Amino acid sequence: QVQLVESGGGLVQAGWSLKLSCAASVNMFSMGWYRQAPGKQRELVATQTLFRSPDYADSVKGRFTISRDNFKNTVYLQMNNLKPEDTGVYYCEAKMWVGGVPNEYWGQGTQVTVSS
């Protein structure tokens, strides 16, 4: 059974940094982060597909960095200069090929709260 285990959320002040981690139980060809603020839809934050450059939401470019440790099947999200609008539940998302079809998996979510 595929599992994604997230860690690293918390409560910080604006301008501070946090680093999120997500460990997968198996190797994934794509891993990334989404977030959902109260009353809003879930949105892409950053994603990293094997052998491709990472993709970022415009709102986090220059502040967030996604990275992967493929040996550990782990993806990280380094978040710098956090803003109150970054507040939300951050979800790890990953994809793996199953019978030629990409299957998507989600973590349980970790809360990030940025106070002004």
Protein backbone atom coordinates (compact mmCIF):
# COMPACT_ATOMS: atom_id res chain seq x y z
CA GLN A 1 0.00 0.00 0.00
CA VAL A 2 1.36 3.39 -0.99
CA GLN A 3 1.83 5.83 1.88
CA LEU A 4 2.91 9.46 1.98
CA VAL A 5 4.03 10.76 5.37
CA GLU A 6 4.38 14.52 5.77
CA SER A 7 6.10 16.54 8.45
CA GLY A 8 7.36 20.03 9.13
CA GLY A 9 4.31 22.26 9.40
CA GLY A 10 3.81 24.76 12.18
CA LEU A 11 3.07 28.30 13.28
CA VAL A 12 5.57 30.99 12.32
CA GLN A 13 5.73 34.73 11.92
CA ALA A 14 5.81 36.48 8.58
CA GLY A 15 9.31 36.49 7.13
CA TRP A 16 10.32 33.25 8.81
CA SER A 17 11.10 29.92 7.15
CA LEU A 18 9.77 26.37 7.32
CA LYS A 19 10.77 23.15 5.63
CA LEU A 20 8.24 20.47 4.81
CA SER A 21 9.10 16.84 4.15
CA CYS A 22 7.15 14.04 2.54
CA ALA A 23 8.39 10.48 2.50
CA ALA A 24 6.84 7.97 0.12
CA SER A 25 6.79 4.23 0.73
CA VAL A 26 7.75 3.57 -2.90
CA ASN A 27 9.51 5.42 -5.69
CA MET A 28 7.35 8.01 -7.44
CA PHE A 29 8.00 9.61 -10.82
CA SER A 30 6.41 12.85 -9.69
CA MET A 31 6.16 14.42 -6.24
CA GLY A 32 4.95 17.81 -5.19
CA TRP A 33 3.03 20.05 -2.84
CA TYR A 34 -0.43 21.56 -2.94
CA ARG A 35 -2.09 23.79 -0.39
CA GLN A 36 -5.60 24.68 0.61
CA ALA A 37 -6.52 27.82 2.48
CA PRO A 38 -9.82 28.08 4.37
CA GLY A 39 -12.69 28.61 1.94
CA LYS A 40 -10.47 28.20 -1.10
CA GLN A 41 -9.73 25.45 -3.55
CA ARG A 42 -6.62 23.33 -3.34
CA GLU A 43 -3.87 24.82 -5.47
CA LEU A 44 -0.51 23.72 -6.78
CA VAL A 45 2.51 25.06 -4.91
CA ALA A 46 5.39 23.18 -6.51
CA THR A 47 6.00 19.90 -8.23
CA GLN A 48 9.07 17.94 -9.25
CA THR A 49 8.95 15.26 -11.93
CA LEU A 50 11.94 13.03 -12.56
CA PHE A 51 14.31 14.40 -15.22
CA ARG A 52 12.35 17.64 -15.50
CA SER A 53 12.73 21.11 -14.05
CA PRO A 54 10.45 21.88 -11.11
CA ASP A 55 7.25 23.87 -11.54
CA TYR A 56 6.16 26.56 -9.10
CA ALA A 57 3.09 28.65 -8.55
CA ASP A 58 3.81 32.28 -9.42
CA SER A 59 3.00 33.32 -5.86
CA VAL A 60 5.89 31.30 -4.41
CA LYS A 61 8.58 31.72 -7.06
CA GLY A 62 11.77 33.06 -5.54
CA ARG A 63 10.68 32.12 -2.00
CA PHE A 64 10.00 28.38 -2.09
CA THR A 65 12.29 25.62 -3.31
CA ILE A 66 11.28 22.03 -3.97
CA SER A 67 13.86 19.27 -3.91
CA ARG A 68 13.92 15.49 -3.95
CA ASP A 69 16.05 12.74 -2.48
CA ASN A 70 15.30 9.87 -4.82
CA PHE A 71 17.16 7.34 -2.67
CA LYS A 72 14.88 8.16 0.24
CA ASN A 73 11.75 8.65 -1.92
CA THR A 74 11.38 11.99 -0.16
CA VAL A 75 10.40 15.42 -1.39
CA TYR A 76 11.10 18.64 0.49
CA LEU A 77 9.67 22.12 0.32
CA GLN A 78 11.88 24.87 1.70
CA MET A 79 9.69 27.90 2.34
CA ASN A 80 11.43 31.21 2.96
CA ASN A 81 10.08 34.68 3.60
CA LEU A 82 6.69 33.27 4.49
CA LYS A 83 3.65 35.51 4.18
CA PRO A 84 0.26 35.32 5.88
CA GLU A 85 -1.28 34.37 2.54
CA ASP A 86 0.84 31.19 2.60
CA THR A 87 -1.32 29.92 5.44
CA GLY A 88 -3.14 26.70 4.73
CA VAL A 89 -3.00 22.94 4.84
CA TYR A 90 -0.15 21.66 2.71
CA TYR A 91 -0.63 18.32 1.02
CA CYS A 92 2.00 16.11 -0.48
CA GLU A 93 0.99 14.70 -3.85
CA ALA A 94 2.73 11.97 -5.78
CA LYS A 95 2.24 9.96 -8.92
CA MET A 96 3.45 6.55 -9.97
CA TRP A 97 2.88 4.44 -13.03
CA VAL A 98 0.60 1.46 -12.49
CA GLY A 99 -0.02 -0.65 -15.55
CA GLY A 100 0.89 2.23 -17.83
CA VAL A 101 -1.52 4.62 -16.10
CA PRO A 102 -0.40 7.39 -13.69
CA ASN A 103 -1.95 6.87 -10.25
CA GLU A 104 -2.16 9.81 -7.88
CA TYR A 105 -1.70 9.67 -4.13
CA TRP A 106 -2.11 12.24 -1.36
CA GLY A 107 -0.70 12.72 2.09
CA GLN A 108 -2.79 13.57 5.13
CA GLY A 109 -1.82 17.25 5.08
CA THR A 110 0.18 19.42 7.42
CA GLN A 111 -0.91 22.82 8.71
CA VAL A 112 1.17 25.90 8.00
CA THR A 113 0.11 29.10 9.73
CA VAL A 114 1.88 32.39 9.14
CA SER A 115 1.01 35.25 11.46
CA SER A 116 1.48 38.88 10.50
